[in-house]
């Protein structure tokens, strides 16, 4: 079901939000992981290594001695894995309530009450188009502009993220713009990340920049 008719502010929209939540692409619980080559590049710099994601969804990286690059590649793989874990809606959000806010071109606002009080989302056509969450003393806001339809749920393709101070709303660092490319591991296989390009806007004394992560020769374990 998509939000095609106006929803009055304050309406309980738990079921609507659950539909969008359950429409995200996640890996089957029995997925044994995958491996391949990883290639990081920024400007004329390029570093290559190998990686393996195990059945525990933890990544091992070999061949990258640069500590910062090693950490950056590991971070991207961790982000991908943590968002592919399948958790039932009623487990993740059992202590939250969801009510309708306003509607914009980005979608219907979902206001969270209960344990996640202060968090909010937007949903449109069974896609979570905006996330505004308090995490570890900071606020992250993510806007999704384009998705990849796997046939078994969607994956965010183009999106931006911004961190901010929860009290003042003041930005912490420049906006990051992501472009993700996902591919299946063989015909009908599990979808995994093959490339991520991150463009960071200038902020304070930090200049704008762009880096890319490529994951090649991918194969299931």
Protein backbone atom coordinates (compact mmCIF):
# COMPACT_ATOMS: atom_id res chain seq x y z
CA UNK A 1 0.00 0.00 0.00
CA UNK A 2 1.28 3.48 -0.84
CA UNK A 3 0.25 6.74 0.76
CA UNK A 4 -1.97 7.95 -2.09
CA UNK A 5 -4.72 9.57 -0.04
CA UNK A 6 -4.09 12.28 2.56
CA UNK A 7 -3.51 11.00 6.09
CA UNK A 8 -4.69 13.24 8.89
CA UNK A 9 -1.93 14.42 11.26
CA UNK A 10 -1.92 12.39 14.47
CA UNK A 11 -3.27 9.24 12.81
CA UNK A 12 -1.72 5.99 14.01
CA UNK A 13 0.33 4.81 11.01
CA UNK A 14 2.19 1.89 12.56
CA UNK A 15 1.03 -0.48 9.81
CA UNK A 16 2.03 1.97 7.05
CA UNK A 17 5.51 2.39 8.49
CA UNK A 18 5.83 -1.38 8.99
CA UNK A 19 5.13 -1.92 5.28
CA UNK A 20 7.94 0.43 4.30
CA UNK A 21 10.27 -1.13 6.91
CA UNK A 22 9.55 -4.64 5.62
CA UNK A 23 10.09 -3.51 2.00
CA UNK A 24 13.82 -2.91 2.64
CA UNK A 25 16.05 -5.54 1.07
CA UNK A 26 17.68 -7.82 3.65
CA UNK A 27 19.79 -10.95 3.43
CA UNK A 28 18.40 -14.40 4.15
CA UNK A 29 19.41 -15.52 7.68
CA UNK A 30 21.34 -18.45 6.19
CA UNK A 31 23.53 -16.27 3.95
CA UNK A 32 27.12 -17.55 4.32
CA UNK A 33 28.80 -14.32 3.20
CA UNK A 34 30.95 -13.43 0.20
CA UNK A 35 34.43 -12.30 -0.83
CA UNK A 36 36.34 -10.42 -3.51
CA UNK A 37 38.80 -7.63 -4.24
CA UNK A 38 38.40 -4.14 -2.78
CA UNK A 39 39.69 -1.00 -4.46
CA UNK A 40 39.77 2.41 -2.75
CA UNK A 41 40.51 5.55 -4.73
CA UNK A 42 40.67 9.28 -4.05
CA UNK A 43 42.08 11.64 -6.66
CA UNK A 44 45.21 9.95 -8.04
CA UNK A 45 45.56 7.70 -4.99
CA UNK A 46 44.53 4.06 -5.30
CA UNK A 47 44.83 1.17 -2.84
CA UNK A 48 43.82 -2.45 -3.51
CA UNK A 49 43.27 -5.42 -1.25
CA UNK A 50 41.06 -8.46 -0.67
CA UNK A 51 38.13 -8.93 1.67
CA UNK A 52 35.89 -11.65 3.00
CA UNK A 53 32.56 -11.27 4.78
CA UNK A 54 31.77 -14.34 6.89
CA UNK A 55 28.48 -15.90 7.91
CA UNK A 56 28.71 -13.78 11.06
CA UNK A 57 28.67 -10.75 8.68
CA UNK A 58 32.08 -9.59 9.94
CA UNK A 59 34.58 -8.45 7.33
CA UNK A 60 38.24 -9.41 7.13
CA UNK A 61 40.50 -7.28 4.91
CA UNK A 62 43.95 -8.26 3.69
CA UNK A 63 46.60 -6.48 1.64
CA UNK A 64 45.88 -2.92 2.79
CA UNK A 65 48.65 -1.61 5.04
CA UNK A 66 47.42 2.00 5.13
CA UNK A 67 45.54 2.09 8.43
CA UNK A 68 43.11 4.87 7.43
CA UNK A 69 42.18 3.19 4.15
CA UNK A 70 41.86 -0.20 5.88
CA UNK A 71 39.51 1.37 8.43
CA UNK A 72 37.49 3.17 5.72
CA UNK A 73 36.97 -0.01 3.66
CA UNK A 74 36.04 -1.98 6.78
CA UNK A 75 33.58 0.75 7.76
CA UNK A 76 31.77 0.59 4.40
CA UNK A 77 31.46 -3.19 4.55
CA UNK A 78 30.21 -2.98 8.14
CA UNK A 79 27.59 -0.40 7.11
CA UNK A 80 26.38 -2.64 4.29
CA UNK A 81 26.21 -5.75 6.48
CA UNK A 82 24.48 -4.12 9.46
CA UNK A 83 21.71 -2.81 7.19
CA UNK A 84 21.16 -6.21 5.56
CA UNK A 85 20.42 -8.03 8.82
CA UNK A 86 16.80 -9.13 8.91
CA UNK A 87 15.08 -8.12 12.15
CA UNK A 88 11.30 -8.42 12.60
CA UNK A 89 9.55 -5.06 12.80
CA UNK A 90 7.91 -5.95 16.11
CA UNK A 91 11.32 -6.73 17.61
CA UNK A 92 13.05 -3.56 16.40
CA UNK A 93 10.14 -1.21 17.09
CA UNK A 94 8.15 -2.94 19.84
CA UNK A 95 8.60 0.04 22.20
CA UNK A 96 7.80 2.74 19.62
CA UNK A 97 4.58 4.35 18.44
CA UNK A 98 4.14 5.97 15.03
CA UNK A 99 1.83 8.84 14.14
CA UNK A 100 1.36 10.90 10.99
CA UNK A 101 2.85 14.36 10.63
CA UNK A 102 2.73 16.54 7.52
CA UNK A 103 3.03 15.50 3.88
CA UNK A 104 5.55 16.86 1.38
CA UNK A 105 6.91 15.77 -2.00
CA UNK A 106 9.36 13.62 -0.04
CA UNK A 107 6.51 11.72 1.58
CA UNK A 108 4.41 11.37 4.72
CA UNK A 109 6.12 12.36 7.95
CA UNK A 110 6.27 9.59 10.57
CA UNK A 111 6.62 10.91 14.13
CA UNK A 112 8.02 8.44 16.65
CA UNK A 113 6.82 8.20 20.23
CA UNK A 114 7.86 5.88 23.05
CA UNK A 115 11.46 4.69 23.29
CA UNK A 116 12.44 6.49 20.08
CA UNK A 117 10.75 9.76 21.03
CA UNK A 118 12.13 12.59 18.89
CA UNK A 119 13.05 10.40 15.94
CA UNK A 120 11.13 10.81 12.70
CA UNK A 121 10.93 9.41 9.21
CA UNK A 122 9.22 10.03 5.89
CA UNK A 123 7.70 7.29 3.73
CA UNK A 124 6.53 7.29 0.14
CA UNK A 125 5.45 4.33 -2.01
CA UNK A 126 6.62 1.85 0.65
CA UNK A 127 10.09 3.42 0.75
CA UNK A 128 11.62 5.16 3.77
CA UNK A 129 12.69 8.39 2.06
CA UNK A 130 13.98 10.23 5.15
CA UNK A 131 15.50 9.13 8.46
CA UNK A 132 16.09 11.50 11.39
CA UNK A 133 17.49 9.57 14.35
CA UNK A 134 19.30 10.24 17.61
CA UNK A 135 22.32 7.93 17.78
CA UNK A 136 25.06 8.02 20.43
CA UNK A 137 24.65 11.68 21.35
CA UNK A 138 24.30 12.98 17.83
CA UNK A 139 21.53 13.29 15.25
CA UNK A 140 21.82 11.85 11.75
CA UNK A 141 19.47 12.87 8.95
CA UNK A 142 19.39 10.80 5.77
CA UNK A 143 17.48 11.72 2.61
CA UNK A 144 17.02 8.99 -0.01
CA UNK A 145 16.60 10.27 -3.57
CA UNK A 146 16.74 7.06 -5.60
CA UNK A 147 16.49 3.33 -4.89
CA UNK A 148 17.37 0.03 -6.57
CA UNK A 149 14.45 -2.42 -6.80
CA UNK A 150 15.80 -5.96 -6.35
CA UNK A 151 12.40 -7.59 -6.78
CA UNK A 152 12.66 -8.64 -3.13
CA UNK A 153 12.79 -5.20 -1.56
CA UNK A 154 14.60 -1.94 -2.21
CA UNK A 155 18.15 -0.72 -1.63
CA UNK A 156 19.08 2.96 -1.37
CA UNK A 157 20.97 4.04 -4.50
CA UNK A 158 21.40 7.82 -4.13
CA UNK A 159 21.14 9.45 -0.70
CA UNK A 160 22.71 12.06 1.57
CA UNK A 161 23.58 12.09 5.26
CA UNK A 162 24.24 14.91 7.71
CA UNK A 163 25.24 14.76 11.37
CA UNK A 164 24.18 17.49 13.78
CA UNK A 165 24.17 18.45 17.46
CA UNK A 166 20.88 17.23 19.00
CA UNK A 167 20.51 20.30 21.24
CA UNK A 168 21.46 23.15 18.90
CA UNK A 169 20.85 21.51 15.53
CA UNK A 170 24.27 22.77 14.45
CA UNK A 171 25.87 20.70 11.69
CA UNK A 172 28.81 18.43 12.51
CA UNK A 173 30.82 18.20 9.33
CA UNK A 174 29.85 18.52 5.69
CA UNK A 175 26.96 16.73 4.00
CA UNK A 176 27.94 13.37 2.51
CA UNK A 177 26.37 12.37 -0.82
CA UNK A 178 26.37 8.65 -1.58
CA UNK A 179 25.89 6.76 -4.84
CA UNK A 180 25.65 2.99 -4.32
CA UNK A 181 25.67 0.26 -6.96
CA UNK A 182 24.42 -3.17 -5.97
CA UNK A 183 24.64 -6.41 -7.94
CA UNK A 184 23.40 -9.96 -7.32
CA UNK A 185 25.92 -12.73 -6.64
CA UNK A 186 25.10 -14.75 -9.74
CA UNK A 187 21.67 -15.12 -11.26
CA UNK A 188 19.04 -14.82 -8.54
CA UNK A 189 21.75 -14.53 -5.90
CA UNK A 190 22.11 -12.28 -2.86
CA UNK A 191 22.52 -8.58 -3.68
CA UNK A 192 25.73 -6.98 -2.44
CA UNK A 193 27.51 -3.64 -2.87
CA UNK A 194 29.83 -3.40 -5.87
CA UNK A 195 30.62 0.31 -5.72
CA UNK A 196 30.09 3.25 -3.36
CA UNK A 197 31.06 6.82 -4.25
CA UNK A 198 31.01 9.35 -1.40
CA UNK A 199 31.15 13.06 -2.19
CA UNK A 200 31.64 15.27 0.88
CA UNK A 201 30.75 18.96 0.85
CA UNK A 202 33.20 21.52 2.21
CA UNK A 203 32.68 22.41 5.87
CA UNK A 204 34.63 24.88 8.01
CA UNK A 205 38.33 24.32 7.37
CA UNK A 206 37.69 21.04 5.55
CA UNK A 207 37.59 21.17 1.75
CA UNK A 208 35.19 19.17 -0.41
CA UNK A 209 36.30 15.71 -1.46
CA UNK A 210 35.31 12.48 -3.14
CA UNK A 211 36.35 8.88 -2.60
CA UNK A 212 35.19 5.62 -4.10
CA UNK A 213 35.09 2.04 -2.90
CA UNK A 214 34.85 -0.75 -5.46
CA UNK A 215 34.21 -4.39 -4.63
CA UNK A 216 35.19 -6.64 -7.53
CA UNK A 217 35.34 -10.35 -8.49
CA UNK A 218 32.56 -10.98 -6.02
CA UNK A 219 31.61 -14.55 -5.15
CA UNK A 220 29.49 -16.21 -2.51
CA UNK A 221 31.26 -18.22 0.20
